[in-house]
Amino acid sequence: MFDLANTLRGTVNEGWENYRQMLLKSYPQKAAEENFNHAAKQAYIAFSMAIAAAAFEGVDSTPIEGFDPNALDEILKLREKGLRSCVILTLGYRNADKDWLVNLIKVRKSADDLVTFIN
């Protein structure tokens, strides 16, 4: 991303380059599993944005975490590409005629149940 940004912008930002160098010194020293855990957390940021973007476009999405990542990695040959799965996002359009939930009241917790305000 750093190289792409520098190319597209036609400049190198000194502060950003310093940050890049810090990352290049830091991450190779960490254990692979620690780096994976960090990358998985970063994936969730993009994941949540994908859900919001899909909703904005009128596309239904279902986030899935309860799956066998090793099996999925094998099926998709992710390890051969240096990748590992951590979450799945299905995208599509619902068939309202076959969706038994479509006419039921949506069940959501209230903001008071989900959010803790710290004064």
N, C-alpha and C. Protein backbone atom coordinates (compact mmCIF):
# COMPACT_ATOMS: atom_id res chain seq x y z
N MET A 1 0.82 -1.19 0.00
CA MET A 1 0.00 0.00 0.00
C MET A 1 0.86 1.26 0.00
N PHE A 2 1.95 1.20 0.73
CA PHE A 2 2.81 2.38 0.80
C PHE A 2 3.34 2.74 -0.59
N ASP A 3 3.85 1.72 -1.31
CA ASP A 3 4.38 1.98 -2.65
C ASP A 3 3.30 2.48 -3.60
N LEU A 4 2.12 1.88 -3.53
CA LEU A 4 1.02 2.31 -4.38
C LEU A 4 0.64 3.76 -4.09
N ALA A 5 0.53 4.10 -2.81
CA ALA A 5 0.18 5.47 -2.44
C ALA A 5 1.25 6.45 -2.92
N ASN A 6 2.51 6.09 -2.75
CA ASN A 6 3.60 6.96 -3.20
C ASN A 6 3.55 7.16 -4.71
N THR A 7 3.30 6.08 -5.44
CA THR A 7 3.23 6.15 -6.90
C THR A 7 2.07 7.02 -7.36
N LEU A 8 0.89 6.76 -6.80
CA LEU A 8 -0.30 7.51 -7.21
C LEU A 8 -0.21 8.98 -6.83
N ARG A 9 0.40 9.25 -5.69
CA ARG A 9 0.50 10.64 -5.22
C ARG A 9 1.72 11.35 -5.79
N GLY A 10 2.66 10.58 -6.32
CA GLY A 10 3.86 11.17 -6.89
C GLY A 10 4.77 11.79 -5.86
N THR A 11 4.68 11.33 -4.63
CA THR A 11 5.51 11.88 -3.57
C THR A 11 5.64 10.85 -2.45
N VAL A 12 6.64 11.04 -1.62
CA VAL A 12 6.82 10.20 -0.44
C VAL A 12 6.65 11.09 0.78
N ASN A 13 5.68 10.75 1.62
CA ASN A 13 5.44 11.49 2.85
C ASN A 13 6.42 11.01 3.91
N GLU A 14 7.19 11.91 4.48
CA GLU A 14 8.24 11.54 5.43
C GLU A 14 7.67 10.84 6.67
N GLY A 15 6.58 11.38 7.20
CA GLY A 15 5.97 10.77 8.38
C GLY A 15 5.47 9.37 8.10
N TRP A 16 4.85 9.21 6.95
CA TRP A 16 4.33 7.90 6.57
C TRP A 16 5.47 6.92 6.30
N GLU A 17 6.55 7.42 5.69
CA GLU A 17 7.71 6.57 5.43
C GLU A 17 8.36 6.14 6.74
N ASN A 18 8.42 7.02 7.72
CA ASN A 18 8.95 6.64 9.04
C ASN A 18 8.10 5.55 9.67
N TYR A 19 6.78 5.68 9.53
CA TYR A 19 5.86 4.67 10.05
C TYR A 19 6.10 3.33 9.34
N ARG A 20 6.27 3.39 8.03
CA ARG A 20 6.54 2.18 7.25
C ARG A 20 7.81 1.50 7.74
N GLN A 21 8.85 2.25 7.94
CA GLN A 21 10.12 1.67 8.39
C GLN A 21 9.97 1.04 9.78
N MET A 22 9.19 1.67 10.64
CA MET A 22 8.94 1.11 11.97
C MET A 22 8.23 -0.24 11.84
N LEU A 23 7.25 -0.31 10.94
CA LEU A 23 6.53 -1.57 10.73
C LEU A 23 7.46 -2.65 10.19
N LEU A 24 8.30 -2.28 9.23
CA LEU A 24 9.23 -3.24 8.63
C LEU A 24 10.23 -3.77 9.64
N LYS A 25 10.56 -2.99 10.64
CA LYS A 25 11.47 -3.44 11.70
C LYS A 25 10.74 -4.26 12.76
N SER A 26 9.49 -3.95 12.98
CA SER A 26 8.73 -4.54 14.07
C SER A 26 8.13 -5.90 13.73
N TYR A 27 7.38 -5.99 12.64
CA TYR A 27 6.60 -7.20 12.37
C TYR A 27 7.42 -8.45 12.07
N PRO A 28 8.51 -8.36 11.32
CA PRO A 28 9.28 -9.59 11.09
C PRO A 28 9.83 -10.22 12.38
N GLN A 29 9.96 -9.44 13.43
CA GLN A 29 10.48 -9.94 14.71
C GLN A 29 9.42 -10.70 15.51
N LYS A 30 8.17 -10.52 15.15
CA LYS A 30 7.08 -11.14 15.91
C LYS A 30 6.80 -12.55 15.40
N ALA A 31 6.20 -13.35 16.26
CA ALA A 31 5.82 -14.71 15.88
C ALA A 31 4.74 -14.66 14.80
N ALA A 32 4.73 -15.66 13.94
CA ALA A 32 3.76 -15.72 12.85
C ALA A 32 2.33 -15.66 13.37
N GLU A 33 2.05 -16.36 14.46
CA GLU A 33 0.68 -16.38 14.99
C GLU A 33 0.28 -15.01 15.52
N GLU A 34 1.21 -14.30 16.12
CA GLU A 34 0.92 -12.94 16.59
C GLU A 34 0.61 -12.02 15.41
N ASN A 35 1.37 -12.15 14.33
CA ASN A 35 1.10 -11.35 13.14
C ASN A 35 -0.24 -11.72 12.52
N PHE A 36 -0.58 -13.03 12.52
CA PHE A 36 -1.88 -13.45 11.99
C PHE A 36 -3.01 -12.84 12.82
N ASN A 37 -2.88 -12.89 14.15
CA ASN A 37 -3.93 -12.33 15.01
C ASN A 37 -4.12 -10.85 14.75
N HIS A 38 -3.03 -10.14 14.55
CA HIS A 38 -3.13 -8.71 14.23
C HIS A 38 -3.81 -8.51 12.88
N ALA A 39 -3.40 -9.29 11.88
CA ALA A 39 -4.00 -9.17 10.55
C ALA A 39 -5.48 -9.52 10.57
N ALA A 40 -5.86 -10.51 11.38
CA ALA A 40 -7.28 -10.88 11.49
C ALA A 40 -8.09 -9.73 12.05
N LYS A 41 -7.55 -9.04 13.04
CA LYS A 41 -8.25 -7.88 13.60
C LYS A 41 -8.38 -6.78 12.55
N GLN A 42 -7.34 -6.59 11.76
CA GLN A 42 -7.39 -5.59 10.69
C GLN A 42 -8.43 -5.99 9.65
N ALA A 43 -8.54 -7.29 9.38
CA ALA A 43 -9.53 -7.77 8.41
C ALA A 43 -10.94 -7.44 8.87
N TYR A 44 -11.17 -7.48 10.18
CA TYR A 44 -12.50 -7.17 10.69
C TYR A 44 -12.88 -5.71 10.45
N ILE A 45 -11.91 -4.83 10.39
CA ILE A 45 -12.21 -3.43 10.09
C ILE A 45 -12.75 -3.33 8.66
N ALA A 46 -12.04 -3.94 7.71
CA ALA A 46 -12.50 -3.94 6.32
C ALA A 46 -13.81 -4.70 6.19
N PHE A 47 -13.93 -5.78 6.94
CA PHE A 47 -15.13 -6.62 6.94
C PHE A 47 -16.36 -5.81 7.32
N SER A 48 -16.25 -5.02 8.38
CA SER A 48 -17.40 -4.22 8.82
C SER A 48 -17.74 -3.15 7.79
N MET A 49 -16.74 -2.60 7.14
CA MET A 49 -17.00 -1.62 6.09
C MET A 49 -17.68 -2.28 4.89
N ALA A 50 -17.31 -3.52 4.58
CA ALA A 50 -17.95 -4.24 3.48
C ALA A 50 -19.42 -4.49 3.78
N ILE A 51 -19.74 -4.82 5.02
CA ILE A 51 -21.14 -5.03 5.42
C ILE A 51 -21.93 -3.73 5.25
N ALA A 52 -21.34 -2.62 5.71
CA ALA A 52 -22.02 -1.32 5.59
C ALA A 52 -22.19 -0.93 4.11
N ALA A 53 -21.16 -1.15 3.30
CA ALA A 53 -21.24 -0.81 1.88
C ALA A 53 -22.29 -1.67 1.18
N ALA A 54 -22.35 -2.94 1.53
CA ALA A 54 -23.36 -3.82 0.93
C ALA A 54 -24.76 -3.33 1.29
N ALA A 55 -24.97 -2.99 2.55
CA ALA A 55 -26.29 -2.50 2.98
C ALA A 55 -26.65 -1.23 2.23
N PHE A 56 -25.69 -0.34 2.06
CA PHE A 56 -25.92 0.91 1.33
C PHE A 56 -26.37 0.63 -0.11
N GLU A 57 -25.80 -0.42 -0.70
CA GLU A 57 -26.13 -0.78 -2.09
C GLU A 57 -27.36 -1.68 -2.18
N GLY A 58 -27.96 -2.02 -1.03
CA GLY A 58 -29.14 -2.87 -1.04
C GLY A 58 -28.83 -4.35 -1.21
N VAL A 59 -27.60 -4.73 -0.88
CA VAL A 59 -27.18 -6.12 -0.98
C VAL A 59 -27.17 -6.72 0.43
N ASP A 60 -27.79 -7.88 0.56
CA ASP A 60 -27.81 -8.55 1.86
C ASP A 60 -26.46 -9.20 2.12
N SER A 61 -26.10 -9.28 3.39
CA SER A 61 -24.84 -9.92 3.76
C SER A 61 -25.04 -10.72 5.04
N THR A 62 -24.27 -11.78 5.14
CA THR A 62 -24.29 -12.59 6.35
C THR A 62 -22.86 -12.87 6.77
N PRO A 63 -22.42 -12.29 7.89
CA PRO A 63 -21.08 -12.60 8.39
C PRO A 63 -21.09 -13.98 9.04
N ILE A 64 -20.05 -14.75 8.79
CA ILE A 64 -19.96 -16.09 9.33
C ILE A 64 -18.57 -16.28 9.96
N GLU A 65 -18.57 -16.65 11.22
CA GLU A 65 -17.31 -16.97 11.87
C GLU A 65 -17.26 -18.42 12.32
N GLY A 66 -18.41 -19.05 12.50
CA GLY A 66 -18.46 -20.43 12.98
C GLY A 66 -18.22 -21.43 11.86
N PHE A 67 -17.01 -21.50 11.37
CA PHE A 67 -16.65 -22.43 10.29
C PHE A 67 -15.29 -23.02 10.60
N ASP A 68 -14.89 -24.01 9.86
CA ASP A 68 -13.59 -24.66 10.05
C ASP A 68 -12.58 -23.97 9.14
N PRO A 69 -11.79 -23.03 9.68
CA PRO A 69 -10.87 -22.28 8.83
C PRO A 69 -9.83 -23.16 8.14
N ASN A 70 -9.37 -24.21 8.82
CA ASN A 70 -8.38 -25.08 8.18
C ASN A 70 -8.96 -25.78 6.96
N ALA A 71 -10.21 -26.23 7.07
CA ALA A 71 -10.86 -26.89 5.93
C ALA A 71 -11.06 -25.90 4.78
N LEU A 72 -11.51 -24.69 5.10
CA LEU A 72 -11.71 -23.67 4.06
C LEU A 72 -10.39 -23.31 3.40
N ASP A 73 -9.36 -23.14 4.22
CA ASP A 73 -8.04 -22.83 3.68
C ASP A 73 -7.57 -23.90 2.70
N GLU A 74 -7.86 -25.16 3.05
CA GLU A 74 -7.47 -26.27 2.17
C GLU A 74 -8.27 -26.25 0.87
N ILE A 75 -9.58 -26.07 0.98
CA ILE A 75 -10.44 -26.05 -0.21
C ILE A 75 -10.02 -24.93 -1.16
N LEU A 76 -9.76 -23.75 -0.61
CA LEU A 76 -9.41 -22.59 -1.43
C LEU A 76 -7.90 -22.47 -1.70
N LYS A 77 -7.13 -23.43 -1.16
CA LYS A 77 -5.68 -23.43 -1.31
C LYS A 77 -5.06 -22.10 -0.85
N LEU A 78 -5.57 -21.59 0.26
CA LEU A 78 -5.10 -20.30 0.76
C LEU A 78 -3.67 -20.37 1.28
N ARG A 79 -3.31 -21.46 1.96
CA ARG A 79 -1.96 -21.57 2.52
C ARG A 79 -0.89 -21.50 1.44
N GLU A 80 -1.21 -22.04 0.26
CA GLU A 80 -0.26 -21.99 -0.86
C GLU A 80 0.02 -20.56 -1.29
N LYS A 81 -0.91 -19.66 -0.96
CA LYS A 81 -0.76 -18.25 -1.32
C LYS A 81 -0.29 -17.42 -0.13
N GLY A 82 0.05 -18.11 0.97
CA GLY A 82 0.49 -17.40 2.17
C GLY A 82 -0.66 -16.75 2.92
N LEU A 83 -1.87 -17.27 2.73
CA LEU A 83 -3.07 -16.69 3.34
C LEU A 83 -3.73 -17.67 4.29
N ARG A 84 -4.54 -17.13 5.19
CA ARG A 84 -5.37 -17.92 6.10
C ARG A 84 -6.71 -17.22 6.25
N SER A 85 -7.76 -18.00 6.38
CA SER A 85 -9.09 -17.41 6.56
C SER A 85 -9.35 -17.14 8.03
N CYS A 86 -10.16 -16.12 8.30
CA CYS A 86 -10.55 -15.82 9.68
C CYS A 86 -12.04 -15.52 9.79
N VAL A 87 -12.69 -15.22 8.66
CA VAL A 87 -14.10 -14.87 8.66
C VAL A 87 -14.63 -15.00 7.23
N ILE A 88 -15.93 -15.21 7.10
CA ILE A 88 -16.56 -15.33 5.78
C ILE A 88 -17.67 -14.28 5.70
N LEU A 89 -17.83 -13.69 4.54
CA LEU A 89 -18.95 -12.78 4.31
C LEU A 89 -19.67 -13.22 3.05
N THR A 90 -20.92 -13.65 3.22
CA THR A 90 -21.72 -14.00 2.05
C THR A 90 -22.49 -12.75 1.62
N LEU A 91 -22.62 -12.58 0.33
CA LEU A 91 -23.33 -11.43 -0.24
C LEU A 91 -24.35 -11.93 -1.25
N GLY A 92 -25.48 -11.26 -1.31
CA GLY A 92 -26.49 -11.65 -2.30
C GLY A 92 -27.78 -10.90 -2.09
N TYR A 93 -28.78 -11.34 -2.81
CA TYR A 93 -30.10 -10.72 -2.72
C TYR A 93 -31.08 -11.76 -2.19
N ARG A 94 -31.88 -11.36 -1.24
CA ARG A 94 -32.83 -12.30 -0.65
C ARG A 94 -33.98 -12.57 -1.62
N ASN A 95 -34.52 -13.74 -1.49
CA ASN A 95 -35.73 -14.12 -2.21
C ASN A 95 -36.86 -14.00 -1.20
N ALA A 96 -37.55 -12.86 -1.20
CA ALA A 96 -38.57 -12.57 -0.20
C ALA A 96 -39.67 -13.63 -0.18
N ASP A 97 -39.92 -14.25 -1.33
CA ASP A 97 -40.97 -15.29 -1.39
C ASP A 97 -40.59 -16.54 -0.60
N LYS A 98 -39.30 -16.78 -0.44
CA LYS A 98 -38.84 -17.98 0.26
C LYS A 98 -38.19 -17.67 1.60
N ASP A 99 -38.14 -16.42 1.98
CA ASP A 99 -37.51 -16.02 3.25
C ASP A 99 -38.57 -15.97 4.34
N TRP A 100 -38.58 -16.96 5.20
CA TRP A 100 -39.60 -17.03 6.24
C TRP A 100 -39.42 -15.96 7.31
N LEU A 101 -38.24 -15.32 7.35
CA LEU A 101 -38.00 -14.27 8.34
C LEU A 101 -38.42 -12.88 7.87
N VAL A 102 -38.63 -12.72 6.57
CA VAL A 102 -38.81 -11.40 5.99
C VAL A 102 -39.97 -10.61 6.60
N ASN A 103 -41.04 -11.28 6.98
CA ASN A 103 -42.20 -10.57 7.52
C ASN A 103 -42.28 -10.58 9.04
N LEU A 104 -41.29 -11.15 9.69
CA LEU A 104 -41.28 -11.17 11.15
C LEU A 104 -40.63 -9.90 11.69
N ILE A 105 -40.99 -9.54 12.90
CA ILE A 105 -40.39 -8.38 13.56
C ILE A 105 -38.90 -8.63 13.75
N LYS A 106 -38.09 -7.64 13.42
CA LYS A 106 -36.66 -7.75 13.64
C LYS A 106 -36.39 -7.71 15.14
N VAL A 107 -35.55 -8.59 15.61
CA VAL A 107 -35.22 -8.65 17.03
C VAL A 107 -33.80 -8.11 17.20
N ARG A 108 -33.71 -7.00 17.88
CA ARG A 108 -32.42 -6.36 18.12
C ARG A 108 -32.35 -5.92 19.58
N LYS A 109 -31.18 -5.99 20.16
CA LYS A 109 -31.00 -5.46 21.50
C LYS A 109 -31.01 -3.93 21.41
N SER A 110 -31.41 -3.32 22.49
CA SER A 110 -31.42 -1.85 22.52
C SER A 110 -30.00 -1.33 22.66
N ALA A 111 -29.82 -0.07 22.31
CA ALA A 111 -28.51 0.56 22.46
C ALA A 111 -28.05 0.51 23.91
N ASP A 112 -28.99 0.65 24.85
CA ASP A 112 -28.63 0.60 26.27
C ASP A 112 -28.05 -0.76 26.66
N ASP A 113 -28.51 -1.82 26.00
CA ASP A 113 -27.99 -3.16 26.28
C ASP A 113 -26.63 -3.42 25.62
N LEU A 114 -26.32 -2.66 24.60
CA LEU A 114 -25.10 -2.90 23.84
C LEU A 114 -23.97 -1.92 24.13
N VAL A 115 -24.31 -0.74 24.60
CA VAL A 115 -23.33 0.32 24.74
C VAL A 115 -23.17 0.70 26.21
N THR A 116 -21.95 0.84 26.64
CA THR A 116 -21.66 1.34 27.98
C THR A 116 -21.09 2.75 27.83
N PHE A 117 -21.76 3.70 28.41
CA PHE A 117 -21.29 5.08 28.37
C PHE A 117 -20.42 5.34 29.59
N ILE A 118 -19.26 5.91 29.36
CA ILE A 118 -18.35 6.24 30.45
C ILE A 118 -18.32 7.75 30.59
N ASN A 119 -18.73 8.22 31.75
CA ASN A 119 -18.78 9.67 31.99
C ASN A 119 -17.49 10.17 32.58
